[in-house]
Amino acid sequence: MVGAGSIGLLCAAALVARGVDTDIVARHPHQKESAALVGATPVDAARGDYGTTFDAVCNQRAFDMCVNATMPRGSLVEFGMFWEPVTLSNAILMKEITLLPSIFYGHDSTSDDFVTAARVLADLPHLADALVTHRFTLDDAP
């Protein structure tokens, strides 16, 4: 997982809940602490031999990091939107990486994301502690 913001942490929590060993590239100390709270392993850089990588940042640097870290014939899952154009390098072609875009909630007759999310939250009650970094009163809103 590249990116230890809320999207990356929630995805990591979902993977951990399914028994997947999950490394997460985190830049800041509080992100590393949160990653450990959800059961992921915080790392400074991806190794380069992952069968599947997840980009929760969606910029050129994160995309390239995922391409470099994905093993040949592996998969790269893109969460969210690119707000600036991203250039594909030949590495994604030479490694025959499958690019999987993912945005919005999905459900079909076999699963329901909301039910799964509720189950993960029930199984990981400390998840909120890993995600909530600040609390404000309504008077602080302006």
N, C-alpha and C. Protein backbone atom coordinates (compact mmCIF):
# COMPACT_ATOMS: atom_id res chain seq x y z
N MET A 1 0.86 -1.16 0.00
CA MET A 1 0.00 0.00 0.00
C MET A 1 0.90 1.22 0.00
N VAL A 2 0.69 2.09 -0.97
CA VAL A 2 1.40 3.37 -0.98
C VAL A 2 0.40 4.43 -0.56
N GLY A 3 0.67 5.04 0.57
CA GLY A 3 -0.21 6.08 1.10
C GLY A 3 -0.88 5.64 2.38
N ALA A 4 -0.60 6.36 3.46
CA ALA A 4 -1.16 6.02 4.77
C ALA A 4 -2.10 7.10 5.27
N GLY A 5 -2.82 7.73 4.32
CA GLY A 5 -3.91 8.61 4.70
C GLY A 5 -5.13 7.75 5.02
N SER A 6 -6.28 8.37 5.11
CA SER A 6 -7.48 7.63 5.52
C SER A 6 -7.81 6.50 4.54
N ILE A 7 -7.69 6.73 3.23
CA ILE A 7 -8.02 5.69 2.25
C ILE A 7 -7.04 4.52 2.36
N GLY A 8 -5.75 4.83 2.42
CA GLY A 8 -4.75 3.77 2.53
C GLY A 8 -4.90 2.98 3.82
N LEU A 9 -5.15 3.67 4.93
CA LEU A 9 -5.31 2.98 6.21
C LEU A 9 -6.55 2.09 6.22
N LEU A 10 -7.64 2.58 5.66
CA LEU A 10 -8.86 1.77 5.62
C LEU A 10 -8.69 0.55 4.73
N CYS A 11 -8.02 0.73 3.59
CA CYS A 11 -7.77 -0.41 2.72
C CYS A 11 -6.86 -1.41 3.42
N ALA A 12 -5.83 -0.90 4.09
CA ALA A 12 -4.92 -1.79 4.83
C ALA A 12 -5.69 -2.55 5.90
N ALA A 13 -6.59 -1.88 6.61
CA ALA A 13 -7.39 -2.54 7.64
C ALA A 13 -8.25 -3.64 7.03
N ALA A 14 -8.83 -3.37 5.85
CA ALA A 14 -9.66 -4.39 5.18
C ALA A 14 -8.81 -5.58 4.77
N LEU A 15 -7.59 -5.33 4.27
CA LEU A 15 -6.71 -6.43 3.89
C LEU A 15 -6.29 -7.25 5.10
N VAL A 16 -5.90 -6.55 6.17
CA VAL A 16 -5.50 -7.24 7.40
C VAL A 16 -6.65 -8.08 7.95
N ALA A 17 -7.87 -7.53 7.90
CA ALA A 17 -9.05 -8.26 8.38
C ALA A 17 -9.27 -9.55 7.59
N ARG A 18 -8.76 -9.59 6.37
CA ARG A 18 -8.88 -10.79 5.53
C ARG A 18 -7.64 -11.69 5.64
N GLY A 19 -6.75 -11.35 6.57
CA GLY A 19 -5.58 -12.19 6.80
C GLY A 19 -4.41 -11.93 5.86
N VAL A 20 -4.42 -10.78 5.18
CA VAL A 20 -3.34 -10.46 4.23
C VAL A 20 -2.25 -9.66 4.95
N ASP A 21 -1.01 -10.14 4.91
CA ASP A 21 0.12 -9.37 5.42
C ASP A 21 0.25 -8.13 4.57
N THR A 22 0.25 -6.97 5.20
CA THR A 22 0.18 -5.71 4.46
C THR A 22 1.27 -4.75 4.89
N ASP A 23 2.14 -4.38 3.94
CA ASP A 23 3.10 -3.29 4.16
C ASP A 23 2.44 -2.02 3.67
N ILE A 24 2.72 -0.90 4.36
CA ILE A 24 2.16 0.38 3.93
C ILE A 24 3.26 1.44 4.00
N VAL A 25 3.46 2.12 2.87
CA VAL A 25 4.45 3.19 2.81
C VAL A 25 3.83 4.42 3.46
N ALA A 26 4.46 4.86 4.56
CA ALA A 26 3.97 5.99 5.33
C ALA A 26 5.08 7.03 5.46
N ARG A 27 4.74 8.29 5.26
CA ARG A 27 5.75 9.36 5.32
C ARG A 27 5.92 9.95 6.71
N HIS A 28 4.84 10.05 7.45
CA HIS A 28 4.86 10.78 8.71
C HIS A 28 4.78 9.84 9.91
N PRO A 29 5.37 10.23 11.04
CA PRO A 29 5.32 9.37 12.23
C PRO A 29 3.90 9.00 12.66
N HIS A 30 2.96 9.94 12.61
CA HIS A 30 1.59 9.61 13.03
C HIS A 30 0.95 8.60 12.07
N GLN A 31 1.33 8.62 10.79
CA GLN A 31 0.82 7.64 9.85
C GLN A 31 1.39 6.25 10.15
N LYS A 32 2.65 6.22 10.52
CA LYS A 32 3.28 4.93 10.87
C LYS A 32 2.61 4.34 12.11
N GLU A 33 2.30 5.18 13.09
CA GLU A 33 1.60 4.71 14.29
C GLU A 33 0.21 4.18 13.93
N SER A 34 -0.49 4.91 13.08
CA SER A 34 -1.83 4.49 12.67
C SER A 34 -1.79 3.19 11.88
N ALA A 35 -0.78 3.05 11.02
CA ALA A 35 -0.64 1.82 10.24
C ALA A 35 -0.46 0.62 11.16
N ALA A 36 0.38 0.78 12.17
CA ALA A 36 0.59 -0.31 13.13
C ALA A 36 -0.69 -0.61 13.90
N LEU A 37 -1.47 0.41 14.23
CA LEU A 37 -2.74 0.20 14.95
C LEU A 37 -3.73 -0.65 14.15
N VAL A 38 -3.72 -0.51 12.82
CA VAL A 38 -4.65 -1.31 12.01
C VAL A 38 -4.07 -2.67 11.65
N GLY A 39 -2.84 -2.94 12.10
CA GLY A 39 -2.25 -4.25 11.88
C GLY A 39 -1.36 -4.35 10.66
N ALA A 40 -1.11 -3.22 9.99
CA ALA A 40 -0.22 -3.20 8.83
C ALA A 40 1.21 -2.94 9.30
N THR A 41 2.16 -3.21 8.43
CA THR A 41 3.57 -2.96 8.72
C THR A 41 4.00 -1.68 8.02
N PRO A 42 4.28 -0.61 8.79
CA PRO A 42 4.73 0.62 8.14
C PRO A 42 6.15 0.46 7.61
N VAL A 43 6.37 0.93 6.38
CA VAL A 43 7.69 0.87 5.75
C VAL A 43 7.98 2.23 5.13
N ASP A 44 9.27 2.52 4.95
CA ASP A 44 9.66 3.78 4.31
C ASP A 44 9.63 3.67 2.79
N ALA A 45 9.82 2.46 2.27
CA ALA A 45 9.82 2.24 0.83
C ALA A 45 9.35 0.82 0.54
N ALA A 46 8.72 0.66 -0.61
CA ALA A 46 8.25 -0.67 -1.02
C ALA A 46 9.42 -1.50 -1.51
N ARG A 47 9.36 -2.82 -1.27
CA ARG A 47 10.47 -3.74 -1.61
C ARG A 47 10.66 -3.93 -3.11
N GLY A 48 9.64 -4.29 -3.81
CA GLY A 48 9.76 -4.54 -5.23
C GLY A 48 9.37 -5.92 -5.65
N ASP A 49 8.70 -6.67 -4.79
CA ASP A 49 8.31 -8.03 -5.16
C ASP A 49 6.89 -8.35 -4.71
N TYR A 50 6.01 -7.38 -4.79
CA TYR A 50 4.63 -7.59 -4.36
C TYR A 50 3.79 -8.11 -5.52
N GLY A 51 2.93 -9.07 -5.23
CA GLY A 51 2.01 -9.56 -6.24
C GLY A 51 0.95 -8.54 -6.58
N THR A 52 0.54 -7.76 -5.59
CA THR A 52 -0.44 -6.70 -5.78
C THR A 52 0.00 -5.47 -5.00
N THR A 53 -0.06 -4.32 -5.64
CA THR A 53 0.20 -3.06 -4.95
C THR A 53 -1.06 -2.21 -5.04
N PHE A 54 -1.19 -1.28 -4.10
CA PHE A 54 -2.34 -0.39 -4.02
C PHE A 54 -1.83 1.04 -3.93
N ASP A 55 -2.32 1.90 -4.80
CA ASP A 55 -1.95 3.31 -4.79
C ASP A 55 -3.10 4.11 -4.20
N ALA A 56 -2.90 4.62 -2.99
CA ALA A 56 -3.93 5.41 -2.32
C ALA A 56 -3.56 6.89 -2.33
N VAL A 57 -2.57 7.27 -3.13
CA VAL A 57 -2.15 8.66 -3.23
C VAL A 57 -2.60 9.26 -4.57
N CYS A 58 -2.41 8.51 -5.63
CA CYS A 58 -2.86 8.90 -6.97
C CYS A 58 -2.12 10.10 -7.54
N ASN A 59 -0.79 10.04 -7.48
CA ASN A 59 0.02 11.00 -8.21
C ASN A 59 1.14 10.24 -8.91
N GLN A 60 1.93 10.93 -9.71
CA GLN A 60 2.95 10.26 -10.51
C GLN A 60 3.96 9.51 -9.64
N ARG A 61 4.40 10.14 -8.57
CA ARG A 61 5.41 9.50 -7.71
C ARG A 61 4.88 8.20 -7.11
N ALA A 62 3.66 8.23 -6.59
CA ALA A 62 3.07 7.03 -5.98
C ALA A 62 2.81 5.96 -7.02
N PHE A 63 2.33 6.36 -8.18
CA PHE A 63 2.07 5.40 -9.25
C PHE A 63 3.36 4.71 -9.66
N ASP A 64 4.43 5.49 -9.86
CA ASP A 64 5.71 4.92 -10.24
C ASP A 64 6.26 3.99 -9.15
N MET A 65 6.06 4.37 -7.90
CA MET A 65 6.50 3.52 -6.79
C MET A 65 5.79 2.17 -6.84
N CYS A 66 4.49 2.20 -7.13
CA CYS A 66 3.73 0.95 -7.23
C CYS A 66 4.20 0.11 -8.41
N VAL A 67 4.41 0.73 -9.55
CA VAL A 67 4.88 -0.01 -10.73
C VAL A 67 6.21 -0.69 -10.40
N ASN A 68 7.12 0.06 -9.79
CA ASN A 68 8.44 -0.50 -9.45
C ASN A 68 8.34 -1.62 -8.43
N ALA A 69 7.36 -1.55 -7.54
CA ALA A 69 7.23 -2.53 -6.46
C ALA A 69 6.43 -3.76 -6.85
N THR A 70 5.73 -3.71 -7.99
CA THR A 70 4.90 -4.83 -8.40
C THR A 70 5.72 -5.84 -9.19
N MET A 71 5.58 -7.12 -8.83
CA MET A 71 6.32 -8.17 -9.55
C MET A 71 5.74 -8.35 -10.96
N PRO A 72 6.51 -8.92 -11.85
CA PRO A 72 5.99 -9.17 -13.19
C PRO A 72 4.68 -9.96 -13.14
N ARG A 73 3.74 -9.54 -13.98
CA ARG A 73 2.40 -10.11 -14.08
C ARG A 73 1.57 -9.91 -12.82
N GLY A 74 1.98 -8.97 -11.99
CA GLY A 74 1.21 -8.62 -10.80
C GLY A 74 0.12 -7.62 -11.14
N SER A 75 -0.51 -7.11 -10.10
CA SER A 75 -1.62 -6.16 -10.27
C SER A 75 -1.35 -4.89 -9.48
N LEU A 76 -1.80 -3.77 -10.02
CA LEU A 76 -1.72 -2.48 -9.35
C LEU A 76 -3.14 -1.94 -9.26
N VAL A 77 -3.61 -1.71 -8.04
CA VAL A 77 -4.96 -1.20 -7.82
C VAL A 77 -4.85 0.30 -7.55
N GLU A 78 -5.58 1.09 -8.33
CA GLU A 78 -5.62 2.55 -8.19
C GLU A 78 -6.89 2.95 -7.47
N PHE A 79 -6.73 3.56 -6.29
CA PHE A 79 -7.89 4.07 -5.54
C PHE A 79 -8.03 5.55 -5.80
N GLY A 80 -9.20 5.98 -6.16
CA GLY A 80 -9.45 7.41 -6.25
C GLY A 80 -9.19 7.98 -7.63
N MET A 81 -8.88 9.27 -7.64
CA MET A 81 -8.78 10.03 -8.88
C MET A 81 -7.39 10.64 -9.02
N PHE A 82 -6.90 10.65 -10.24
CA PHE A 82 -5.71 11.42 -10.56
C PHE A 82 -6.17 12.86 -10.83
N TRP A 83 -5.61 13.82 -10.13
CA TRP A 83 -5.98 15.21 -10.35
C TRP A 83 -5.03 15.89 -11.33
N GLU A 84 -3.95 15.20 -11.66
CA GLU A 84 -3.02 15.67 -12.68
C GLU A 84 -2.72 14.47 -13.59
N PRO A 85 -2.38 14.72 -14.84
CA PRO A 85 -2.07 13.60 -15.74
C PRO A 85 -0.92 12.74 -15.20
N VAL A 86 -1.02 11.45 -15.42
CA VAL A 86 0.02 10.50 -15.04
C VAL A 86 0.52 9.82 -16.30
N THR A 87 1.83 9.72 -16.40
CA THR A 87 2.45 9.12 -17.57
C THR A 87 2.76 7.66 -17.31
N LEU A 88 2.37 6.80 -18.24
CA LEU A 88 2.70 5.38 -18.13
C LEU A 88 4.10 5.17 -18.71
N SER A 89 4.92 4.45 -17.98
CA SER A 89 6.26 4.13 -18.48
C SER A 89 6.23 2.74 -19.11
N ASN A 90 7.29 2.41 -19.79
CA ASN A 90 7.39 1.08 -20.39
C ASN A 90 7.46 -0.02 -19.34
N ALA A 91 7.83 0.33 -18.11
CA ALA A 91 7.95 -0.68 -17.05
C ALA A 91 6.64 -1.42 -16.84
N ILE A 92 5.52 -0.70 -16.89
CA ILE A 92 4.22 -1.36 -16.68
C ILE A 92 3.95 -2.36 -17.82
N LEU A 93 4.42 -2.04 -19.01
CA LEU A 93 4.25 -2.95 -20.15
C LEU A 93 5.22 -4.12 -20.07
N MET A 94 6.48 -3.83 -19.79
CA MET A 94 7.49 -4.88 -19.76
C MET A 94 7.22 -5.89 -18.65
N LYS A 95 6.64 -5.42 -17.55
CA LYS A 95 6.33 -6.31 -16.44
C LYS A 95 4.94 -6.94 -16.59
N GLU A 96 4.19 -6.51 -17.61
CA GLU A 96 2.83 -7.00 -17.86
C GLU A 96 1.94 -6.87 -16.62
N ILE A 97 1.97 -5.68 -16.04
CA ILE A 97 1.19 -5.40 -14.83
C ILE A 97 -0.26 -5.11 -15.22
N THR A 98 -1.18 -5.70 -14.50
CA THR A 98 -2.60 -5.42 -14.70
C THR A 98 -2.97 -4.21 -13.85
N LEU A 99 -3.52 -3.20 -14.48
CA LEU A 99 -3.93 -1.98 -13.79
C LEU A 99 -5.43 -2.06 -13.52
N LEU A 100 -5.80 -1.98 -12.23
CA LEU A 100 -7.21 -2.10 -11.83
C LEU A 100 -7.69 -0.80 -11.20
N PRO A 101 -8.51 -0.03 -11.91
CA PRO A 101 -9.06 1.17 -11.30
C PRO A 101 -10.16 0.79 -10.30
N SER A 102 -10.25 1.55 -9.23
CA SER A 102 -11.26 1.27 -8.21
C SER A 102 -11.72 2.59 -7.60
N ILE A 103 -12.99 2.88 -7.73
CA ILE A 103 -13.56 4.08 -7.14
C ILE A 103 -15.03 3.80 -6.85
N PHE A 104 -15.56 4.39 -5.85
CA PHE A 104 -16.94 4.22 -5.41
C PHE A 104 -17.14 2.88 -4.70
N TYR A 105 -18.27 2.77 -4.08
CA TYR A 105 -18.63 1.53 -3.42
C TYR A 105 -19.20 0.57 -4.45
N GLY A 106 -18.94 -0.68 -4.27
CA GLY A 106 -19.46 -1.67 -5.20
C GLY A 106 -20.21 -2.75 -4.45
N HIS A 107 -21.22 -3.24 -5.07
CA HIS A 107 -21.91 -4.40 -4.53
C HIS A 107 -22.65 -5.09 -5.66
N ASP A 108 -22.80 -6.34 -5.49
CA ASP A 108 -23.55 -7.13 -6.47
C ASP A 108 -24.27 -8.21 -5.69
N SER A 109 -24.71 -9.21 -6.35
CA SER A 109 -25.48 -10.24 -5.68
C SER A 109 -24.63 -11.12 -4.76
N THR A 110 -23.30 -11.02 -4.85
CA THR A 110 -22.44 -11.87 -4.02
C THR A 110 -21.86 -11.15 -2.82
N SER A 111 -21.84 -9.81 -2.82
CA SER A 111 -21.27 -9.09 -1.68
C SER A 111 -21.85 -7.69 -1.61
N ASP A 112 -21.66 -7.06 -0.47
CA ASP A 112 -22.12 -5.70 -0.24
C ASP A 112 -21.05 -4.98 0.57
N ASP A 113 -20.45 -3.94 0.00
CA ASP A 113 -19.35 -3.23 0.66
C ASP A 113 -19.74 -2.67 2.02
N PHE A 114 -20.98 -2.20 2.17
CA PHE A 114 -21.38 -1.62 3.44
C PHE A 114 -21.45 -2.68 4.55
N VAL A 115 -21.95 -3.85 4.21
CA VAL A 115 -21.99 -4.95 5.19
C VAL A 115 -20.57 -5.36 5.56
N THR A 116 -19.70 -5.46 4.56
CA THR A 116 -18.30 -5.82 4.81
C THR A 116 -17.63 -4.77 5.67
N ALA A 117 -17.85 -3.49 5.37
CA ALA A 117 -17.25 -2.41 6.15
C ALA A 117 -17.72 -2.46 7.60
N ALA A 118 -19.00 -2.70 7.82
CA ALA A 118 -19.52 -2.80 9.19
C ALA A 118 -18.89 -3.96 9.93
N ARG A 119 -18.67 -5.08 9.23
CA ARG A 119 -18.02 -6.24 9.85
C ARG A 119 -16.58 -5.92 10.23
N VAL A 120 -15.85 -5.24 9.34
CA VAL A 120 -14.47 -4.87 9.64
C VAL A 120 -14.43 -3.92 10.84
N LEU A 121 -15.33 -2.95 10.89
CA LEU A 121 -15.36 -2.03 12.03
C LEU A 121 -15.68 -2.77 13.33
N ALA A 122 -16.56 -3.75 13.27
CA ALA A 122 -16.87 -4.53 14.47
C ALA A 122 -15.67 -5.36 14.91
N ASP A 123 -14.93 -5.90 13.93
CA ASP A 123 -13.76 -6.72 14.25
C ASP A 123 -12.56 -5.90 14.70
N LEU A 124 -12.50 -4.64 14.29
CA LEU A 124 -11.37 -3.77 14.62
C LEU A 124 -11.87 -2.50 15.32
N PRO A 125 -12.32 -2.61 16.57
CA PRO A 125 -12.89 -1.44 17.24
C PRO A 125 -11.89 -0.30 17.43
N HIS A 126 -10.61 -0.59 17.36
CA HIS A 126 -9.58 0.44 17.51
C HIS A 126 -9.33 1.21 16.21
N LEU A 127 -10.05 0.87 15.14
CA LEU A 127 -9.84 1.51 13.84
C LEU A 127 -10.06 3.03 13.92
N ALA A 128 -11.06 3.45 14.65
CA ALA A 128 -11.32 4.90 14.78
C ALA A 128 -10.13 5.61 15.41
N ASP A 129 -9.47 4.97 16.38
CA ASP A 129 -8.30 5.59 17.02
C ASP A 129 -7.17 5.79 16.01
N ALA A 130 -7.08 4.91 15.02
CA ALA A 130 -6.03 5.01 14.02
C ALA A 130 -6.35 6.09 12.98
N LEU A 131 -7.62 6.40 12.79
CA LEU A 131 -8.01 7.33 11.73
C LEU A 131 -8.32 8.74 12.20
N VAL A 132 -8.87 8.87 13.40
CA VAL A 132 -9.25 10.20 13.89
C VAL A 132 -8.03 10.86 14.50
N THR A 133 -7.59 11.94 13.85
CA THR A 133 -6.37 12.62 14.32
C THR A 133 -6.67 13.90 15.09
N HIS A 134 -7.85 14.50 14.87
CA HIS A 134 -8.20 15.75 15.54
C HIS A 134 -9.69 15.73 15.88
N ARG A 135 -10.03 16.42 16.93
CA ARG A 135 -11.43 16.59 17.30
C ARG A 135 -11.69 18.08 17.49
N PHE A 136 -12.81 18.54 16.97
CA PHE A 136 -13.16 19.94 17.06
C PHE A 136 -14.59 20.09 17.55
N THR A 137 -14.84 21.15 18.28
CA THR A 137 -16.22 21.45 18.68
C THR A 137 -16.90 22.19 17.54
N LEU A 138 -18.21 22.29 17.60
CA LEU A 138 -18.93 23.06 16.57
C LEU A 138 -18.52 24.53 16.60
N ASP A 139 -18.15 25.02 17.78
CA ASP A 139 -17.71 26.41 17.87
C ASP A 139 -16.39 26.63 17.13
N ASP A 140 -15.60 25.57 16.96
CA ASP A 140 -14.34 25.67 16.23
C ASP A 140 -14.53 25.63 14.71
N ALA A 141 -15.74 25.34 14.25
CA ALA A 141 -15.97 25.12 12.82
C ALA A 141 -15.59 26.33 11.94
N PRO A 142 -15.93 27.57 12.34
CA PRO A 142 -15.56 28.70 11.45
C PRO A 142 -14.05 28.81 11.30
